Amino acid sequence: MGFFDFMQEAIAIDLGTANTLIIHNDKVVVDEPSIVAKNIRTGDIVAIGKRAQQMH
């Protein structure tokens, strides 16, 4: 494995739907709801994905 071999890999990211999909080597590696829970007082991110959807 060469130093720049990672540049030849294909990754697909779909951010435009209700779920964020990341596909690597024809396999779905991330399939999470596209939602973030944020604390409005501190601005901190509280949860993302499935945990944030449960909070919603």
PDB file of N, CA and C in Angstrom:
ATOM      1  N   MET A   1       0.851  -1.183   0.000  1.00  0.00           N
ATOM      2  CA  MET A   1       0.000   0.000   0.000  1.00  0.00           C
ATOM      3  C   MET A   1       0.890   1.237   0.000  1.00  0.00           C
ATOM      4  N   GLY A   2       0.746   2.048  -1.030  1.00  0.00           N
ATOM      5  CA  GLY A   2       1.537   3.260  -1.150  1.00  0.00           C
ATOM      6  C   GLY A   2       0.962   4.406  -0.335  1.00  0.00           C
ATOM      7  N   PHE A   3       1.734   5.460  -0.231  1.00  0.00           N
ATOM      8  CA  PHE A   3       1.344   6.611   0.575  1.00  0.00           C
ATOM      9  C   PHE A   3       0.079   7.289   0.052  1.00  0.00           C
ATOM     10  N   PHE A   4      -0.089   7.370  -1.271  1.00  0.00           N
ATOM     11  CA  PHE A   4      -1.225   8.077  -1.848  1.00  0.00           C
ATOM     12  C   PHE A   4      -2.335   7.146  -2.332  1.00  0.00           C
ATOM     13  N   ASP A   5      -2.321   5.886  -1.933  1.00  0.00           N
ATOM     14  CA  ASP A   5      -3.353   4.948  -2.368  1.00  0.00           C
ATOM     15  C   ASP A   5      -4.739   5.349  -1.895  1.00  0.00           C
ATOM     16  N   PHE A   6      -4.839   6.041  -0.781  1.00  0.00           N
ATOM     17  CA  PHE A   6      -6.148   6.451  -0.277  1.00  0.00           C
ATOM     18  C   PHE A   6      -6.850   7.406  -1.235  1.00  0.00           C
ATOM     19  N   MET A   7      -6.117   8.083  -2.092  1.00  0.00           N
ATOM     20  CA  MET A   7      -6.715   9.020  -3.035  1.00  0.00           C
ATOM     21  C   MET A   7      -7.446   8.304  -4.164  1.00  0.00           C
ATOM     22  N   GLN A   8      -7.229   7.031  -4.327  1.00  0.00           N
ATOM     23  CA  GLN A   8      -7.848   6.279  -5.399  1.00  0.00           C
ATOM     24  C   GLN A   8      -9.138   5.602  -4.961  1.00  0.00           C
ATOM     25  N   GLU A   9      -9.480   5.674  -3.701  1.00  0.00           N
ATOM     26  CA  GLU A   9     -10.686   5.034  -3.208  1.00  0.00           C
ATOM     27  C   GLU A   9     -11.897   5.907  -3.493  1.00  0.00           C
ATOM     28  N   ALA A  10     -13.028   5.261  -3.741  1.00  0.00           N
ATOM     29  CA  ALA A  10     -14.263   5.987  -4.029  1.00  0.00           C
ATOM     30  C   ALA A  10     -15.135   6.013  -2.782  1.00  0.00           C
ATOM     31  N   ILE A  11     -15.549   7.204  -2.408  1.00  0.00           N
ATOM     32  CA  ILE A  11     -16.457   7.387  -1.279  1.00  0.00           C
ATOM     33  C   ILE A  11     -17.621   8.231  -1.772  1.00  0.00           C
ATOM     34  N   ALA A  12     -18.842   7.809  -1.475  1.00  0.00           N
ATOM     35  CA  ALA A  12     -20.035   8.569  -1.844  1.00  0.00           C
ATOM     36  C   ALA A  12     -20.705   9.055  -0.569  1.00  0.00           C
ATOM     37  N   ILE A  13     -21.063  10.331  -0.530  1.00  0.00           N
ATOM     38  CA  ILE A  13     -21.738  10.909   0.634  1.00  0.00           C
ATOM     39  C   ILE A  13     -23.007  11.598   0.148  1.00  0.00           C
ATOM     40  N   ASP A  14     -24.143  11.237   0.732  1.00  0.00           N
ATOM     41  CA  ASP A  14     -25.430  11.820   0.389  1.00  0.00           C
ATOM     42  C   ASP A  14     -25.930  12.582   1.612  1.00  0.00           C
ATOM     43  N   LEU A  15     -25.933  13.905   1.536  1.00  0.00           N
ATOM     44  CA  LEU A  15     -26.353  14.739   2.661  1.00  0.00           C
ATOM     45  C   LEU A  15     -27.721  15.387   2.433  1.00  0.00           C
ATOM     46  N   GLY A  16     -28.343  15.152   1.294  1.00  0.00           N
ATOM     47  CA  GLY A  16     -29.532  15.906   0.939  1.00  0.00           C
ATOM     48  C   GLY A  16     -30.856  15.266   1.320  1.00  0.00           C
ATOM     49  N   THR A  17     -30.846  14.220   2.087  1.00  0.00           N
ATOM     50  CA  THR A  17     -32.083  13.531   2.431  1.00  0.00           C
ATOM     51  C   THR A  17     -32.274  13.507   3.940  1.00  0.00           C
ATOM     52  N   ALA A  18     -33.284  12.792   4.392  1.00  0.00           N
ATOM     53  CA  ALA A  18     -33.540  12.669   5.826  1.00  0.00           C
ATOM     54  C   ALA A  18     -32.433  11.887   6.533  1.00  0.00           C
ATOM     55  N   ASN A  19     -31.721  11.054   5.777  1.00  0.00           N
ATOM     56  CA  ASN A  19     -30.609  10.285   6.336  1.00  0.00           C
ATOM     57  C   ASN A  19     -29.325  10.643   5.623  1.00  0.00           C
ATOM     58  N   THR A  20     -28.227  10.665   6.378  1.00  0.00           N
ATOM     59  CA  THR A  20     -26.904  10.828   5.800  1.00  0.00           C
ATOM     60  C   THR A  20     -26.362   9.439   5.478  1.00  0.00           C
ATOM     61  N   LEU A  21     -26.004   9.233   4.227  1.00  0.00           N
ATOM     62  CA  LEU A  21     -25.447   7.950   3.802  1.00  0.00           C
ATOM     63  C   LEU A  21     -24.009   8.155   3.377  1.00  0.00           C
ATOM     64  N   ILE A  22     -23.126   7.300   3.863  1.00  0.00           N
ATOM     65  CA  ILE A  22     -21.748   7.268   3.401  1.00  0.00           C
ATOM     66  C   ILE A  22     -21.480   5.861   2.910  1.00  0.00           C
ATOM     67  N   ILE A  23     -21.080   5.771   1.634  1.00  0.00           N
ATOM     68  CA  ILE A  23     -20.829   4.481   1.000  1.00  0.00           C
ATOM     69  C   ILE A  23     -19.358   4.414   0.620  1.00  0.00           C
ATOM     70  N   HIS A  24     -18.708   3.335   1.034  1.00  0.00           N
ATOM     71  CA  HIS A  24     -17.288   3.128   0.751  1.00  0.00           C
ATOM     72  C   HIS A  24     -17.119   1.716   0.224  1.00  0.00           C
ATOM     73  N   ASN A  25     -16.494   1.594  -0.937  1.00  0.00           N
ATOM     74  CA  ASN A  25     -16.298   0.289  -1.576  1.00  0.00           C
ATOM     75  C   ASN A  25     -17.615  -0.478  -1.716  1.00  0.00           C
ATOM     76  N   ASP A  26     -18.645   0.214  -2.185  1.00  0.00           N
ATOM     77  CA  ASP A  26     -19.969  -0.370  -2.429  1.00  0.00           C
ATOM     78  C   ASP A  26     -20.642  -0.899  -1.167  1.00  0.00           C
ATOM     79  N   LYS A  27     -20.220  -0.455  -0.001  1.00  0.00           N
ATOM     80  CA  LYS A  27     -20.853  -0.861   1.256  1.00  0.00           C
ATOM     81  C   LYS A  27     -21.279   0.387   2.018  1.00  0.00           C
ATOM     82  N   VAL A  28     -22.469   0.358   2.595  1.00  0.00           N
ATOM     83  CA  VAL A  28     -22.947   1.469   3.409  1.00  0.00           C
ATOM     84  C   VAL A  28     -22.242   1.389   4.752  1.00  0.00           C
ATOM     85  N   VAL A  29     -21.468   2.422   5.086  1.00  0.00           N
ATOM     86  CA  VAL A  29     -20.753   2.432   6.361  1.00  0.00           C
ATOM     87  C   VAL A  29     -21.414   3.360   7.375  1.00  0.00           C
ATOM     88  N   VAL A  30     -22.206   4.328   6.896  1.00  0.00           N
ATOM     89  CA  VAL A  30     -22.959   5.203   7.789  1.00  0.00           C
ATOM     90  C   VAL A  30     -24.345   5.398   7.187  1.00  0.00           C
ATOM     91  N   ASP A  31     -25.377   5.159   7.981  1.00  0.00           N
ATOM     92  CA  ASP A  31     -26.761   5.416   7.595  1.00  0.00           C
ATOM     93  C   ASP A  31     -27.464   5.940   8.835  1.00  0.00           C
ATOM     94  N   GLU A  32     -27.373   7.238   9.036  1.00  0.00           N
ATOM     95  CA  GLU A  32     -27.890   7.887  10.244  1.00  0.00           C
ATOM     96  C   GLU A  32     -28.844   9.007   9.864  1.00  0.00           C
ATOM     97  N   PRO A  33     -29.822   9.301  10.705  1.00  0.00           N
ATOM     98  CA  PRO A  33     -30.679  10.463  10.462  1.00  0.00           C
ATOM     99  C   PRO A  33     -29.845  11.742  10.422  1.00  0.00           C
ATOM    100  N   SER A  34     -30.211  12.662   9.531  1.00  0.00           N
ATOM    101  CA  SER A  34     -29.494  13.933   9.387  1.00  0.00           C
ATOM    102  C   SER A  34     -30.077  14.959  10.353  1.00  0.00           C
ATOM    103  N   ILE A  35     -29.749  14.799  11.614  1.00  0.00           N
ATOM    104  CA  ILE A  35     -30.288  15.686  12.642  1.00  0.00           C
ATOM    105  C   ILE A  35     -29.238  15.885  13.734  1.00  0.00           C
ATOM    106  N   VAL A  36     -29.201  17.094  14.284  1.00  0.00           N
ATOM    107  CA  VAL A  36     -28.255  17.439  15.350  1.00  0.00           C
ATOM    108  C   VAL A  36     -29.035  18.106  16.471  1.00  0.00           C
ATOM    109  N   ALA A  37     -28.763  17.712  17.707  1.00  0.00           N
ATOM    110  CA  ALA A  37     -29.356  18.367  18.876  1.00  0.00           C
ATOM    111  C   ALA A  37     -28.305  19.289  19.483  1.00  0.00           C
ATOM    112  N   LYS A  38     -28.679  20.559  19.657  1.00  0.00           N
ATOM    113  CA  LYS A  38     -27.741  21.565  20.141  1.00  0.00           C
ATOM    114  C   LYS A  38     -28.320  22.266  21.367  1.00  0.00           C
ATOM    115  N   ASN A  39     -27.494  22.472  22.368  1.00  0.00           N
ATOM    116  CA  ASN A  39     -27.895  23.215  23.556  1.00  0.00           C
ATOM    117  C   ASN A  39     -27.963  24.693  23.177  1.00  0.00           C
ATOM    118  N   ILE A  40     -29.146  25.306  23.272  1.00  0.00           N
ATOM    119  CA  ILE A  40     -29.296  26.691  22.821  1.00  0.00           C
ATOM    120  C   ILE A  40     -28.629  27.699  23.757  1.00  0.00           C
ATOM    121  N   ARG A  41     -28.372  27.313  24.980  1.00  0.00           N
ATOM    122  CA  ARG A  41     -27.708  28.239  25.924  1.00  0.00           C
ATOM    123  C   ARG A  41     -26.190  28.255  25.745  1.00  0.00           C
ATOM    124  N   THR A  42     -25.597  27.057  25.586  1.00  0.00           N
ATOM    125  CA  THR A  42     -24.135  26.973  25.495  1.00  0.00           C
ATOM    126  C   THR A  42     -23.635  26.840  24.063  1.00  0.00           C
ATOM    127  N   GLY A  43     -24.510  26.411  23.150  1.00  0.00           N
ATOM    128  CA  GLY A  43     -24.096  26.192  21.773  1.00  0.00           C
ATOM    129  C   GLY A  43     -23.413  24.860  21.561  1.00  0.00           C
ATOM    130  N   ASP A  44     -23.308  24.046  22.604  1.00  0.00           N
ATOM    131  CA  ASP A  44     -22.660  22.735  22.492  1.00  0.00           C
ATOM    132  C   ASP A  44     -23.559  21.744  21.757  1.00  0.00           C
ATOM    133  N   ILE A  45     -22.941  20.854  20.995  1.00  0.00           N
ATOM    134  CA  ILE A  45     -23.658  19.767  20.345  1.00  0.00           C
ATOM    135  C   ILE A  45     -23.925  18.698  21.398  1.00  0.00           C
ATOM    136  N   VAL A  46     -25.183  18.338  21.566  1.00  0.00           N
ATOM    137  CA  VAL A  46     -25.577  17.364  22.586  1.00  0.00           C
ATOM    138  C   VAL A  46     -25.628  15.952  22.005  1.00  0.00           C
ATOM    139  N   ALA A  47     -26.180  15.820  20.793  1.00  0.00           N
ATOM    140  CA  ALA A  47     -26.320  14.506  20.173  1.00  0.00           C
ATOM    141  C   ALA A  47     -26.434  14.676  18.666  1.00  0.00           C
ATOM    142  N   ILE A  48     -26.096  13.604  17.949  1.00  0.00           N
ATOM    143  CA  ILE A  48     -26.258  13.588  16.495  1.00  0.00           C
ATOM    144  C   ILE A  48     -26.884  12.261  16.090  1.00  0.00           C
ATOM    145  N   GLY A  49     -27.474  12.243  14.906  1.00  0.00           N
ATOM    146  CA  GLY A  49     -28.006  10.999  14.355  1.00  0.00           C
ATOM    147  C   GLY A  49     -29.189  10.450  15.125  1.00  0.00           C
ATOM    148  N   LYS A  50     -29.141   9.159  15.384  1.00  0.00           N
ATOM    149  CA  LYS A  50     -30.275   8.465  16.021  1.00  0.00           C
ATOM    150  C   LYS A  50     -30.583   9.012  17.412  1.00  0.00           C
ATOM    151  N   ARG A  51     -29.546   9.347  18.188  1.00  0.00           N
ATOM    152  CA  ARG A  51     -29.785   9.881  19.536  1.00  0.00           C
ATOM    153  C   ARG A  51     -30.483  11.230  19.475  1.00  0.00           C
ATOM    154  N   ALA A  52     -30.103  12.080  18.528  1.00  0.00           N
ATOM    155  CA  ALA A  52     -30.746  13.378  18.374  1.00  0.00           C
ATOM    156  C   ALA A  52     -32.180  13.217  17.895  1.00  0.00           C
ATOM    157  N   GLN A  53     -32.417  12.242  17.029  1.00  0.00           N
ATOM    158  CA  GLN A  53     -33.781  12.011  16.545  1.00  0.00           C
ATOM    159  C   GLN A  53     -34.676  11.539  17.686  1.00  0.00           C
ATOM    160  N   GLN A  54     -34.161  10.720  18.591  1.00  0.00           N
ATOM    161  CA  GLN A  54     -34.935  10.282  19.745  1.00  0.00           C
ATOM    162  C   GLN A  54     -35.281  11.473  20.634  1.00  0.00           C
ATOM    163  N   MET A  55     -34.368  12.418  20.752  1.00  0.00           N
ATOM    164  CA  MET A  55     -34.616  13.603  21.573  1.00  0.00           C
ATOM    165  C   MET A  55     -35.682  14.498  20.943  1.00  0.00           C
ATOM    166  N   HIS A  56     -35.708  14.532  19.611  1.00  0.00           N
ATOM    167  CA  HIS A  56     -36.656  15.358  18.879  1.00  0.00           C
ATOM    168  C   HIS A  56     -38.053  14.882  19.151  1.00  0.00           C
TER     169      HIS A  56
END
